[in-house]
Amino acid sequence: MDKRLLDIFAPRFWWELCGRYTTHFIKKFGFFSHCVGCTFISILFAFRLQNYYKVILSLAERESHDGKSKVNQISISLNAYQYFLKKFDIELFLPLRHIKSGEEIEAI
């Protein structure tokens, strides 16, 4: 396993990714969501569990949920997750990414 990912579950990593700027963003924008950081950590957790496979399959991420968006699943977030893992020669495969309808998901 790549040594650069050994400490991804350390409290310091979560703090840098999710906690550090909470107050700043709340003051500036009136809200803050940890969803992007937490989703990213869960993807890295899958990576860690798979013991360095070349592809991670995620069936949870969709850009639209019947017209509603989630900040951790908008295009720029999903692209960032994929970009990061690509640096480790890992593909993040998101087969449901462009399915918008909940009915279509239920049918699958």
PDB file of N, CA and C in Angstrom:
ATOM      1  N   MET A   1       0.844  -1.185   0.000  1.00  0.00           N
ATOM      2  CA  MET A   1       0.000   0.000   0.000  1.00  0.00           C
ATOM      3  C   MET A   1       0.885   1.242   0.000  1.00  0.00           C
ATOM      4  N   ASP A   2       0.442   2.235  -0.681  1.00  0.00           N
ATOM      5  CA  ASP A   2       1.170   3.496  -0.737  1.00  0.00           C
ATOM      6  C   ASP A   2       1.242   4.127   0.650  1.00  0.00           C
ATOM      7  N   LYS A   3       2.437   4.413   1.107  1.00  0.00           N
ATOM      8  CA  LYS A   3       2.634   4.951   2.453  1.00  0.00           C
ATOM      9  C   LYS A   3       1.985   6.317   2.644  1.00  0.00           C
ATOM     10  N   ARG A   4       1.715   7.028   1.553  1.00  0.00           N
ATOM     11  CA  ARG A   4       1.078   8.344   1.675  1.00  0.00           C
ATOM     12  C   ARG A   4      -0.351   8.242   2.198  1.00  0.00           C
ATOM     13  N   LEU A   5      -0.937   7.054   2.140  1.00  0.00           N
ATOM     14  CA  LEU A   5      -2.313   6.898   2.597  1.00  0.00           C
ATOM     15  C   LEU A   5      -2.421   6.193   3.947  1.00  0.00           C
ATOM     16  N   LEU A   6      -1.320   5.946   4.608  1.00  0.00           N
ATOM     17  CA  LEU A   6      -1.384   5.203   5.858  1.00  0.00           C
ATOM     18  C   LEU A   6      -2.102   5.949   6.969  1.00  0.00           C
ATOM     19  N   ASP A   7      -2.046   7.267   6.972  1.00  0.00           N
ATOM     20  CA  ASP A   7      -2.632   8.036   8.064  1.00  0.00           C
ATOM     21  C   ASP A   7      -3.964   8.684   7.714  1.00  0.00           C
ATOM     22  N   ILE A   8      -4.679   8.154   6.745  1.00  0.00           N
ATOM     23  CA  ILE A   8      -5.914   8.816   6.314  1.00  0.00           C
ATOM     24  C   ILE A   8      -7.000   8.780   7.370  1.00  0.00           C
ATOM     25  N   PHE A   9      -6.879   7.895   8.356  1.00  0.00           N
ATOM     26  CA  PHE A   9      -7.911   7.817   9.381  1.00  0.00           C
ATOM     27  C   PHE A   9      -7.485   8.463  10.688  1.00  0.00           C
ATOM     28  N   ALA A  10      -6.338   9.102  10.676  1.00  0.00           N
ATOM     29  CA  ALA A  10      -5.873   9.795  11.871  1.00  0.00           C
ATOM     30  C   ALA A  10      -6.780  11.000  12.132  1.00  0.00           C
ATOM     31  N   PRO A  11      -7.034  11.316  13.398  1.00  0.00           N
ATOM     32  CA  PRO A  11      -7.863  12.488  13.711  1.00  0.00           C
ATOM     33  C   PRO A  11      -7.343  13.768  13.062  1.00  0.00           C
ATOM     34  N   ARG A  12      -6.044  13.891  12.935  1.00  0.00           N
ATOM     35  CA  ARG A  12      -5.466  15.085  12.314  1.00  0.00           C
ATOM     36  C   ARG A  12      -5.932  15.215  10.861  1.00  0.00           C
ATOM     37  N   PHE A  13      -5.992  14.118  10.131  1.00  0.00           N
ATOM     38  CA  PHE A  13      -6.437  14.155   8.735  1.00  0.00           C
ATOM     39  C   PHE A  13      -7.875  14.659   8.651  1.00  0.00           C
ATOM     40  N   TRP A  14      -8.763  14.115   9.513  1.00  0.00           N
ATOM     41  CA  TRP A  14     -10.155  14.568   9.513  1.00  0.00           C
ATOM     42  C   TRP A  14     -10.212  16.054   9.844  1.00  0.00           C
ATOM     43  N   TRP A  15      -9.430  16.479  10.813  1.00  0.00           N
ATOM     44  CA  TRP A  15      -9.419  17.888  11.207  1.00  0.00           C
ATOM     45  C   TRP A  15      -9.008  18.772  10.027  1.00  0.00           C
ATOM     46  N   GLU A  16      -7.950  18.401   9.336  1.00  0.00           N
ATOM     47  CA  GLU A  16      -7.481  19.193   8.193  1.00  0.00           C
ATOM     48  C   GLU A  16      -8.525  19.234   7.080  1.00  0.00           C
ATOM     49  N   LEU A  17      -9.181  18.125   6.859  1.00  0.00           N
ATOM     50  CA  LEU A  17     -10.124  18.010   5.751  1.00  0.00           C
ATOM     51  C   LEU A  17     -11.506  18.579   6.076  1.00  0.00           C
ATOM     52  N   CYS A  18     -12.001  18.294   7.265  1.00  0.00           N
ATOM     53  CA  CYS A  18     -13.397  18.617   7.581  1.00  0.00           C
ATOM     54  C   CYS A  18     -13.582  19.674   8.670  1.00  0.00           C
ATOM     55  N   GLY A  19     -12.715  19.723   9.630  1.00  0.00           N
ATOM     56  CA  GLY A  19     -12.966  20.564  10.785  1.00  0.00           C
ATOM     57  C   GLY A  19     -12.303  21.916  10.800  1.00  0.00           C
ATOM     58  N   ARG A  20     -11.173  22.019  10.190  1.00  0.00           N
ATOM     59  CA  ARG A  20     -10.308  23.195  10.299  1.00  0.00           C
ATOM     60  C   ARG A  20     -10.985  24.517   9.939  1.00  0.00           C
ATOM     61  N   TYR A  21     -11.753  24.524   8.887  1.00  0.00           N
ATOM     62  CA  TYR A  21     -12.321  25.779   8.392  1.00  0.00           C
ATOM     63  C   TYR A  21     -13.818  25.925   8.680  1.00  0.00           C
ATOM     64  N   THR A  22     -14.358  25.073   9.523  1.00  0.00           N
ATOM     65  CA  THR A  22     -15.792  25.114   9.819  1.00  0.00           C
ATOM     66  C   THR A  22     -16.246  26.498  10.247  1.00  0.00           C
ATOM     67  N   THR A  23     -15.615  27.056  11.263  1.00  0.00           N
ATOM     68  CA  THR A  23     -16.006  28.363  11.779  1.00  0.00           C
ATOM     69  C   THR A  23     -15.859  29.442  10.715  1.00  0.00           C
ATOM     70  N   HIS A  24     -14.773  29.398   9.970  1.00  0.00           N
ATOM     71  CA  HIS A  24     -14.531  30.386   8.919  1.00  0.00           C
ATOM     72  C   HIS A  24     -15.672  30.397   7.896  1.00  0.00           C
ATOM     73  N   PHE A  25     -16.032  29.210   7.405  1.00  0.00           N
ATOM     74  CA  PHE A  25     -17.072  29.142   6.381  1.00  0.00           C
ATOM     75  C   PHE A  25     -18.452  29.494   6.945  1.00  0.00           C
ATOM     76  N   ILE A  26     -18.722  29.121   8.179  1.00  0.00           N
ATOM     77  CA  ILE A  26     -19.999  29.488   8.784  1.00  0.00           C
ATOM     78  C   ILE A  26     -20.098  31.006   8.902  1.00  0.00           C
ATOM     79  N   LYS A  27     -19.021  31.642   9.326  1.00  0.00           N
ATOM     80  CA  LYS A  27     -19.029  33.101   9.432  1.00  0.00           C
ATOM     81  C   LYS A  27     -19.161  33.759   8.062  1.00  0.00           C
ATOM     82  N   LYS A  28     -18.475  33.222   7.072  1.00  0.00           N
ATOM     83  CA  LYS A  28     -18.468  33.834   5.746  1.00  0.00           C
ATOM     84  C   LYS A  28     -19.749  33.565   4.955  1.00  0.00           C
ATOM     85  N   PHE A  29     -20.248  32.321   5.000  1.00  0.00           N
ATOM     86  CA  PHE A  29     -21.378  31.936   4.151  1.00  0.00           C
ATOM     87  C   PHE A  29     -22.660  31.610   4.924  1.00  0.00           C
ATOM     88  N   GLY A  30     -22.556  31.497   6.233  1.00  0.00           N
ATOM     89  CA  GLY A  30     -23.733  31.183   7.042  1.00  0.00           C
ATOM     90  C   GLY A  30     -24.032  29.703   7.175  1.00  0.00           C
ATOM     91  N   PHE A  31     -23.186  28.846   6.583  1.00  0.00           N
ATOM     92  CA  PHE A  31     -23.364  27.398   6.716  1.00  0.00           C
ATOM     93  C   PHE A  31     -22.048  26.711   6.364  1.00  0.00           C
ATOM     94  N   PHE A  32     -21.969  25.437   6.667  1.00  0.00           N
ATOM     95  CA  PHE A  32     -20.832  24.612   6.262  1.00  0.00           C
ATOM     96  C   PHE A  32     -21.287  23.168   6.262  1.00  0.00           C
ATOM     97  N   SER A  33     -20.842  22.396   5.312  1.00  0.00           N
ATOM     98  CA  SER A  33     -21.182  20.975   5.241  1.00  0.00           C
ATOM     99  C   SER A  33     -19.909  20.145   5.259  1.00  0.00           C
ATOM    100  N   HIS A  34     -19.888  19.164   6.137  1.00  0.00           N
ATOM    101  CA  HIS A  34     -18.766  18.233   6.204  1.00  0.00           C
ATOM    102  C   HIS A  34     -18.928  17.093   5.203  1.00  0.00           C
ATOM    103  N   CYS A  35     -20.008  17.107   4.455  1.00  0.00           N
ATOM    104  CA  CYS A  35     -20.343  15.978   3.584  1.00  0.00           C
ATOM    105  C   CYS A  35     -19.250  15.633   2.573  1.00  0.00           C
ATOM    106  N   VAL A  36     -18.631  16.628   1.983  1.00  0.00           N
ATOM    107  CA  VAL A  36     -17.593  16.355   0.978  1.00  0.00           C
ATOM    108  C   VAL A  36     -16.431  15.615   1.628  1.00  0.00           C
ATOM    109  N   GLY A  37     -15.950  16.137   2.737  1.00  0.00           N
ATOM    110  CA  GLY A  37     -14.832  15.498   3.435  1.00  0.00           C
ATOM    111  C   GLY A  37     -15.168  14.105   3.920  1.00  0.00           C
ATOM    112  N   CYS A  38     -16.354  13.937   4.471  1.00  0.00           N
ATOM    113  CA  CYS A  38     -16.751  12.622   4.988  1.00  0.00           C
ATOM    114  C   CYS A  38     -16.927  11.602   3.859  1.00  0.00           C
ATOM    115  N   THR A  39     -17.496  12.023   2.741  1.00  0.00           N
ATOM    116  CA  THR A  39     -17.624  11.119   1.598  1.00  0.00           C
ATOM    117  C   THR A  39     -16.249  10.727   1.082  1.00  0.00           C
ATOM    118  N   PHE A  40     -15.355  11.710   1.004  1.00  0.00           N
ATOM    119  CA  PHE A  40     -13.994  11.442   0.554  1.00  0.00           C
ATOM    120  C   PHE A  40     -13.310  10.437   1.469  1.00  0.00           C
ATOM    121  N   ILE A  41     -13.464  10.606   2.768  1.00  0.00           N
ATOM    122  CA  ILE A  41     -12.862   9.672   3.717  1.00  0.00           C
ATOM    123  C   ILE A  41     -13.466   8.283   3.553  1.00  0.00           C
ATOM    124  N   SER A  42     -14.762   8.186   3.305  1.00  0.00           N
ATOM    125  CA  SER A  42     -15.375   6.865   3.123  1.00  0.00           C
ATOM    126  C   SER A  42     -14.856   6.189   1.853  1.00  0.00           C
ATOM    127  N   ILE A  43     -14.607   6.974   0.811  1.00  0.00           N
ATOM    128  CA  ILE A  43     -14.017   6.408  -0.414  1.00  0.00           C
ATOM    129  C   ILE A  43     -12.605   5.919  -0.134  1.00  0.00           C
ATOM    130  N   LEU A  44     -11.847   6.692   0.628  1.00  0.00           N
ATOM    131  CA  LEU A  44     -10.504   6.256   0.997  1.00  0.00           C
ATOM    132  C   LEU A  44     -10.549   5.019   1.887  1.00  0.00           C
ATOM    133  N   PHE A  45     -11.575   4.929   2.718  1.00  0.00           N
ATOM    134  CA  PHE A  45     -11.745   3.752   3.566  1.00  0.00           C
ATOM    135  C   PHE A  45     -11.959   2.520   2.689  1.00  0.00           C
ATOM    136  N   ALA A  46     -12.782   2.649   1.659  1.00  0.00           N
ATOM    137  CA  ALA A  46     -12.986   1.541   0.726  1.00  0.00           C
ATOM    138  C   ALA A  46     -11.667   1.164   0.072  1.00  0.00           C
ATOM    139  N   PHE A  47     -10.889   2.173  -0.278  1.00  0.00           N
ATOM    140  CA  PHE A  47      -9.573   1.932  -0.869  1.00  0.00           C
ATOM    141  C   PHE A  47      -8.702   1.136   0.103  1.00  0.00           C
ATOM    142  N   ARG A  48      -8.706   1.540   1.347  1.00  0.00           N
ATOM    143  CA  ARG A  48      -7.880   0.878   2.363  1.00  0.00           C
ATOM    144  C   ARG A  48      -8.334  -0.571   2.566  1.00  0.00           C
ATOM    145  N   LEU A  49      -9.632  -0.797   2.595  1.00  0.00           N
ATOM    146  CA  LEU A  49     -10.150  -2.153   2.787  1.00  0.00           C
ATOM    147  C   LEU A  49      -9.826  -3.062   1.614  1.00  0.00           C
ATOM    148  N   GLN A  50      -9.785  -2.498   0.439  1.00  0.00           N
ATOM    149  CA  GLN A  50      -9.554  -3.324  -0.741  1.00  0.00           C
ATOM    150  C   GLN A  50      -8.087  -3.670  -0.952  1.00  0.00           C
ATOM    151  N   ASN A  51      -7.243  -3.119  -0.096  1.00  0.00           N
ATOM    152  CA  ASN A  51      -5.822  -3.462  -0.135  1.00  0.00           C
ATOM    153  C   ASN A  51      -5.201  -3.244  -1.512  1.00  0.00           C
ATOM    154  N   TYR A  52      -5.461  -2.077  -2.029  1.00  0.00           N
ATOM    155  CA  TYR A  52      -4.837  -1.589  -3.259  1.00  0.00           C
ATOM    156  C   TYR A  52      -5.275  -2.295  -4.534  1.00  0.00           C
ATOM    157  N   TYR A  53      -6.561  -2.281  -4.759  1.00  0.00           N
ATOM    158  CA  TYR A  53      -7.080  -2.681  -6.060  1.00  0.00           C
ATOM    159  C   TYR A  53      -6.929  -1.510  -7.019  1.00  0.00           C
ATOM    160  N   LYS A  54      -7.097  -1.754  -8.286  1.00  0.00           N
ATOM    161  CA  LYS A  54      -6.958  -0.699  -9.288  1.00  0.00           C
ATOM    162  C   LYS A  54      -8.262   0.034  -9.564  1.00  0.00           C
ATOM    163  N   VAL A  55      -9.389  -0.514  -9.072  1.00  0.00           N
ATOM    164  CA  VAL A  55     -10.685   0.117  -9.294  1.00  0.00           C
ATOM    165  C   VAL A  55     -11.482   0.060  -7.991  1.00  0.00           C
ATOM    166  N   ILE A  56     -12.123   1.185  -7.666  1.00  0.00           N
ATOM    167  CA  ILE A  56     -13.071   1.221  -6.566  1.00  0.00           C
ATOM    168  C   ILE A  56     -14.434   1.483  -7.190  1.00  0.00           C
ATOM    169  N   LEU A  57     -15.387   0.652  -6.857  1.00  0.00           N
ATOM    170  CA  LEU A  57     -16.745   0.779  -7.362  1.00  0.00           C
ATOM    171  C   LEU A  57     -17.594   1.452  -6.289  1.00  0.00           C
ATOM    172  N   SER A  58     -18.208   2.560  -6.635  1.00  0.00           N
ATOM    173  CA  SER A  58     -19.089   3.251  -5.696  1.00  0.00           C
ATOM    174  C   SER A  58     -20.476   3.360  -6.305  1.00  0.00           C
ATOM    175  N   LEU A  59     -21.446   2.762  -5.636  1.00  0.00           N
ATOM    176  CA  LEU A  59     -22.820   2.776  -6.123  1.00  0.00           C
ATOM    177  C   LEU A  59     -23.670   3.827  -5.423  1.00  0.00           C
ATOM    178  N   ALA A  60     -23.053   4.674  -4.620  1.00  0.00           N
ATOM    179  CA  ALA A  60     -23.819   5.647  -3.841  1.00  0.00           C
ATOM    180  C   ALA A  60     -23.868   7.032  -4.482  1.00  0.00           C
ATOM    181  N   GLU A  61     -22.915   7.363  -5.309  1.00  0.00           N
ATOM    182  CA  GLU A  61     -22.797   8.740  -5.796  1.00  0.00           C
ATOM    183  C   GLU A  61     -23.581   8.970  -7.085  1.00  0.00           C
ATOM    184  N   ARG A  62     -24.458   9.992  -7.028  1.00  0.00           N
ATOM    185  CA  ARG A  62     -25.225  10.448  -8.184  1.00  0.00           C
ATOM    186  C   ARG A  62     -25.242  11.964  -8.167  1.00  0.00           C
ATOM    187  N   GLU A  63     -25.114  12.577  -9.324  1.00  0.00           N
ATOM    188  CA  GLU A  63     -25.105  14.042  -9.405  1.00  0.00           C
ATOM    189  C   GLU A  63     -26.472  14.658  -9.142  1.00  0.00           C
ATOM    190  N   SER A  64     -27.513  13.922  -9.399  1.00  0.00           N
ATOM    191  CA  SER A  64     -28.860  14.461  -9.197  1.00  0.00           C
ATOM    192  C   SER A  64     -29.745  13.397  -8.566  1.00  0.00           C
ATOM    193  N   HIS A  65     -30.526  13.810  -7.618  1.00  0.00           N
ATOM    194  CA  HIS A  65     -31.488  12.932  -6.950  1.00  0.00           C
ATOM    195  C   HIS A  65     -32.876  13.526  -7.206  1.00  0.00           C
ATOM    196  N   ASP A  66     -33.427  13.168  -8.345  1.00  0.00           N
ATOM    197  CA  ASP A  66     -34.725  13.725  -8.769  1.00  0.00           C
ATOM    198  C   ASP A  66     -34.694  15.247  -8.766  1.00  0.00           C
ATOM    199  N   GLY A  67     -33.624  15.806  -9.307  1.00  0.00           N
ATOM    200  CA  GLY A  67     -33.492  17.259  -9.420  1.00  0.00           C
ATOM    201  C   GLY A  67     -32.842  17.936  -8.226  1.00  0.00           C
ATOM    202  N   LYS A  68     -32.598  17.202  -7.163  1.00  0.00           N
ATOM    203  CA  LYS A  68     -31.942  17.770  -5.987  1.00  0.00           C
ATOM    204  C   LYS A  68     -30.468  17.399  -6.005  1.00  0.00           C
ATOM    205  N   SER A  69     -29.650  18.291  -5.479  1.00  0.00           N
ATOM    206  CA  SER A  69     -28.197  18.057  -5.432  1.00  0.00           C
ATOM    207  C   SER A  69     -27.727  17.920  -3.997  1.00  0.00           C
ATOM    208  N   LYS A  70     -26.676  17.129  -3.819  1.00  0.00           N
ATOM    209  CA  LYS A  70     -25.996  17.007  -2.535  1.00  0.00           C
ATOM    210  C   LYS A  70     -24.573  17.495  -2.758  1.00  0.00           C
ATOM    211  N   VAL A  71     -24.088  18.352  -1.879  1.00  0.00           N
ATOM    212  CA  VAL A  71     -22.794  18.987  -2.099  1.00  0.00           C
ATOM    213  C   VAL A  71     -21.664  17.962  -2.265  1.00  0.00           C
ATOM    214  N   ASN A  72     -21.762  16.830  -1.606  1.00  0.00           N
ATOM    215  CA  ASN A  72     -20.725  15.808  -1.726  1.00  0.00           C
ATOM    216  C   ASN A  72     -20.857  14.985  -3.002  1.00  0.00           C
ATOM    217  N   GLN A  73     -21.923  15.231  -3.780  1.00  0.00           N
ATOM    218  CA  GLN A  73     -22.128  14.460  -4.995  1.00  0.00           C
ATOM    219  C   GLN A  73     -22.291  15.324  -6.238  1.00  0.00           C
ATOM    220  N   ILE A  74     -21.995  16.610  -6.139  1.00  0.00           N
ATOM    221  CA  ILE A  74     -22.030  17.445  -7.344  1.00  0.00           C
ATOM    222  C   ILE A  74     -20.820  17.095  -8.204  1.00  0.00           C
ATOM    223  N   SER A  75     -20.869  17.492  -9.424  1.00  0.00           N
ATOM    224  CA  SER A  75     -19.837  17.130 -10.397  1.00  0.00           C
ATOM    225  C   SER A  75     -18.420  17.448  -9.914  1.00  0.00           C
ATOM    226  N   ILE A  76     -18.217  18.643  -9.372  1.00  0.00           N
ATOM    227  CA  ILE A  76     -16.864  19.031  -8.962  1.00  0.00           C
ATOM    228  C   ILE A  76     -16.346  18.156  -7.821  1.00  0.00           C
ATOM    229  N   SER A  77     -17.232  17.724  -6.929  1.00  0.00           N
ATOM    230  CA  SER A  77     -16.825  16.843  -5.829  1.00  0.00           C
ATOM    231  C   SER A  77     -16.445  15.463  -6.362  1.00  0.00           C
ATOM    232  N   LEU A  78     -17.301  14.900  -7.207  1.00  0.00           N
ATOM    233  CA  LEU A  78     -17.018  13.570  -7.760  1.00  0.00           C
ATOM    234  C   LEU A  78     -15.734  13.585  -8.592  1.00  0.00           C
ATOM    235  N   ASN A  79     -15.548  14.655  -9.360  1.00  0.00           N
ATOM    236  CA  ASN A  79     -14.315  14.774 -10.144  1.00  0.00           C
ATOM    237  C   ASN A  79     -13.095  14.842  -9.231  1.00  0.00           C
ATOM    238  N   ALA A  80     -13.216  15.545  -8.108  1.00  0.00           N
ATOM    239  CA  ALA A  80     -12.091  15.669  -7.177  1.00  0.00           C
ATOM    240  C   ALA A  80     -11.729  14.316  -6.566  1.00  0.00           C
ATOM    241  N   TYR A  81     -12.751  13.525  -6.188  1.00  0.00           N
ATOM    242  CA  TYR A  81     -12.466  12.190  -5.646  1.00  0.00           C
ATOM    243  C   TYR A  81     -11.720  11.353  -6.684  1.00  0.00           C
ATOM    244  N   GLN A  82     -12.207  11.395  -7.920  1.00  0.00           N
ATOM    245  CA  GLN A  82     -11.575  10.615  -8.980  1.00  0.00           C
ATOM    246  C   GLN A  82     -10.154  11.105  -9.260  1.00  0.00           C
ATOM    247  N   TYR A  83      -9.972  12.402  -9.284  1.00  0.00           N
ATOM    248  CA  TYR A  83      -8.663  12.998  -9.542  1.00  0.00           C
ATOM    249  C   TYR A  83      -7.650  12.563  -8.480  1.00  0.00           C
ATOM    250  N   PHE A  84      -8.070  12.617  -7.220  1.00  0.00           N
ATOM    251  CA  PHE A  84      -7.164  12.237  -6.135  1.00  0.00           C
ATOM    252  C   PHE A  84      -6.740  10.779  -6.264  1.00  0.00           C
ATOM    253  N   LEU A  85      -7.693   9.883  -6.444  1.00  0.00           N
ATOM    254  CA  LEU A  85      -7.361   8.460  -6.519  1.00  0.00           C
ATOM    255  C   LEU A  85      -6.535   8.134  -7.756  1.00  0.00           C
ATOM    256  N   LYS A  86      -6.745   8.904  -8.825  1.00  0.00           N
ATOM    257  CA  LYS A  86      -5.960   8.689 -10.047  1.00  0.00           C
ATOM    258  C   LYS A  86      -4.464   8.885  -9.779  1.00  0.00           C
ATOM    259  N   LYS A  87      -4.145   9.757  -8.823  1.00  0.00           N
ATOM    260  CA  LYS A  87      -2.737   9.977  -8.457  1.00  0.00           C
ATOM    261  C   LYS A  87      -2.092   8.703  -7.915  1.00  0.00           C
ATOM    262  N   PHE A  88      -2.911   7.759  -7.455  1.00  0.00           N
ATOM    263  CA  PHE A  88      -2.430   6.479  -6.936  1.00  0.00           C
ATOM    264  C   PHE A  88      -2.724   5.348  -7.918  1.00  0.00           C
ATOM    265  N   ASP A  89      -3.011   5.725  -9.166  1.00  0.00           N
ATOM    266  CA  ASP A  89      -3.333   4.762 -10.226  1.00  0.00           C
ATOM    267  C   ASP A  89      -4.556   3.915  -9.889  1.00  0.00           C
ATOM    268  N   ILE A  90      -5.549   4.552  -9.289  1.00  0.00           N
ATOM    269  CA  ILE A  90      -6.790   3.877  -8.945  1.00  0.00           C
ATOM    270  C   ILE A  90      -7.937   4.607  -9.631  1.00  0.00           C
ATOM    271  N   GLU A  91      -8.834   3.836 -10.242  1.00  0.00           N
ATOM    272  CA  GLU A  91     -10.019   4.411 -10.872  1.00  0.00           C
ATOM    273  C   GLU A  91     -11.178   4.346  -9.893  1.00  0.00           C
ATOM    274  N   LEU A  92     -11.872   5.449  -9.728  1.00  0.00           N
ATOM    275  CA  LEU A  92     -13.119   5.466  -8.969  1.00  0.00           C
ATOM    276  C   LEU A  92     -14.237   5.365  -9.988  1.00  0.00           C
ATOM    277  N   PHE A  93     -14.874   4.211 -10.039  1.00  0.00           N
ATOM    278  CA  PHE A  93     -15.920   3.929 -11.023  1.00  0.00           C
ATOM    279  C   PHE A  93     -17.267   4.280 -10.409  1.00  0.00           C
ATOM    280  N   LEU A  94     -17.989   5.181 -11.057  1.00  0.00           N
ATOM    281  CA  LEU A  94     -19.276   5.688 -10.570  1.00  0.00           C
ATOM    282  C   LEU A  94     -20.370   5.384 -11.602  1.00  0.00           C
ATOM    283  N   PRO A  95     -20.831   4.142 -11.665  1.00  0.00           N
ATOM    284  CA  PRO A  95     -21.765   3.771 -12.729  1.00  0.00           C
ATOM    285  C   PRO A  95     -23.135   4.441 -12.642  1.00  0.00           C
ATOM    286  N   LEU A  96     -23.527   4.929 -11.479  1.00  0.00           N
ATOM    287  CA  LEU A  96     -24.841   5.560 -11.329  1.00  0.00           C
ATOM    288  C   LEU A  96     -24.772   7.080 -11.366  1.00  0.00           C
ATOM    289  N   ARG A  97     -23.614   7.614 -11.611  1.00  0.00           N
ATOM    290  CA  ARG A  97     -23.362   9.053 -11.531  1.00  0.00           C
ATOM    291  C   ARG A  97     -24.384   9.902 -12.289  1.00  0.00           C
ATOM    292  N   HIS A  98     -24.765   9.507 -13.477  1.00  0.00           N
ATOM    293  CA  HIS A  98     -25.616  10.346 -14.319  1.00  0.00           C
ATOM    294  C   HIS A  98     -27.088   9.921 -14.320  1.00  0.00           C
ATOM    295  N   ILE A  99     -27.455   8.987 -13.456  1.00  0.00           N
ATOM    296  CA  ILE A  99     -28.858   8.598 -13.342  1.00  0.00           C
ATOM    297  C   ILE A  99     -29.544   9.586 -12.405  1.00  0.00           C
ATOM    298  N   LYS A 100     -30.549  10.262 -12.920  1.00  0.00           N
ATOM    299  CA  LYS A 100     -31.209  11.327 -12.158  1.00  0.00           C
ATOM    300  C   LYS A 100     -32.446  10.858 -11.413  1.00  0.00           C
ATOM    301  N   SER A 101     -33.107   9.864 -11.919  1.00  0.00           N
ATOM    302  CA  SER A 101     -34.405   9.454 -11.392  1.00  0.00           C
ATOM    303  C   SER A 101     -34.280   8.395 -10.300  1.00  0.00           C
ATOM    304  N   GLY A 102     -34.922   8.661  -9.179  1.00  0.00           N
ATOM    305  CA  GLY A 102     -34.989   7.670  -8.115  1.00  0.00           C
ATOM    306  C   GLY A 102     -35.742   6.429  -8.542  1.00  0.00           C
ATOM    307  N   GLU A 103     -36.729   6.611  -9.415  1.00  0.00           N
ATOM    308  CA  GLU A 103     -37.486   5.461  -9.935  1.00  0.00           C
ATOM    309  C   GLU A 103     -36.582   4.538 -10.746  1.00  0.00           C
ATOM    310  N   GLU A 104     -35.683   5.136 -11.513  1.00  0.00           N
ATOM    311  CA  GLU A 104     -34.750   4.323 -12.300  1.00  0.00           C
ATOM    312  C   GLU A 104     -33.803   3.546 -11.386  1.00  0.00           C
ATOM    313  N   ILE A 105     -33.371   4.181 -10.307  1.00  0.00           N
ATOM    314  CA  ILE A 105     -32.517   3.505  -9.330  1.00  0.00           C
ATOM    315  C   ILE A 105     -33.271   2.337  -8.702  1.00  0.00           C
ATOM    316  N   GLU A 106     -34.519   2.573  -8.316  1.00  0.00           N
ATOM    317  CA  GLU A 106     -35.326   1.502  -7.729  1.00  0.00           C
ATOM    318  C   GLU A 106     -35.517   0.346  -8.704  1.00  0.00           C
ATOM    319  N   ALA A 107     -35.662   0.672  -9.986  1.00  0.00           N
ATOM    320  CA  ALA A 107     -35.851  -0.382 -10.998  1.00  0.00           C
ATOM    321  C   ALA A 107     -34.595  -1.235 -11.133  1.00  0.00           C
ATOM    322  N   ILE A 108     -33.451  -0.615 -10.961  1.00  0.00           N
ATOM    323  CA  ILE A 108     -32.194  -1.364 -11.053  1.00  0.00           C
ATOM    324  C   ILE A 108     -32.106  -2.343  -9.906  1.00  0.00           C
TER     325      ILE A 108
END
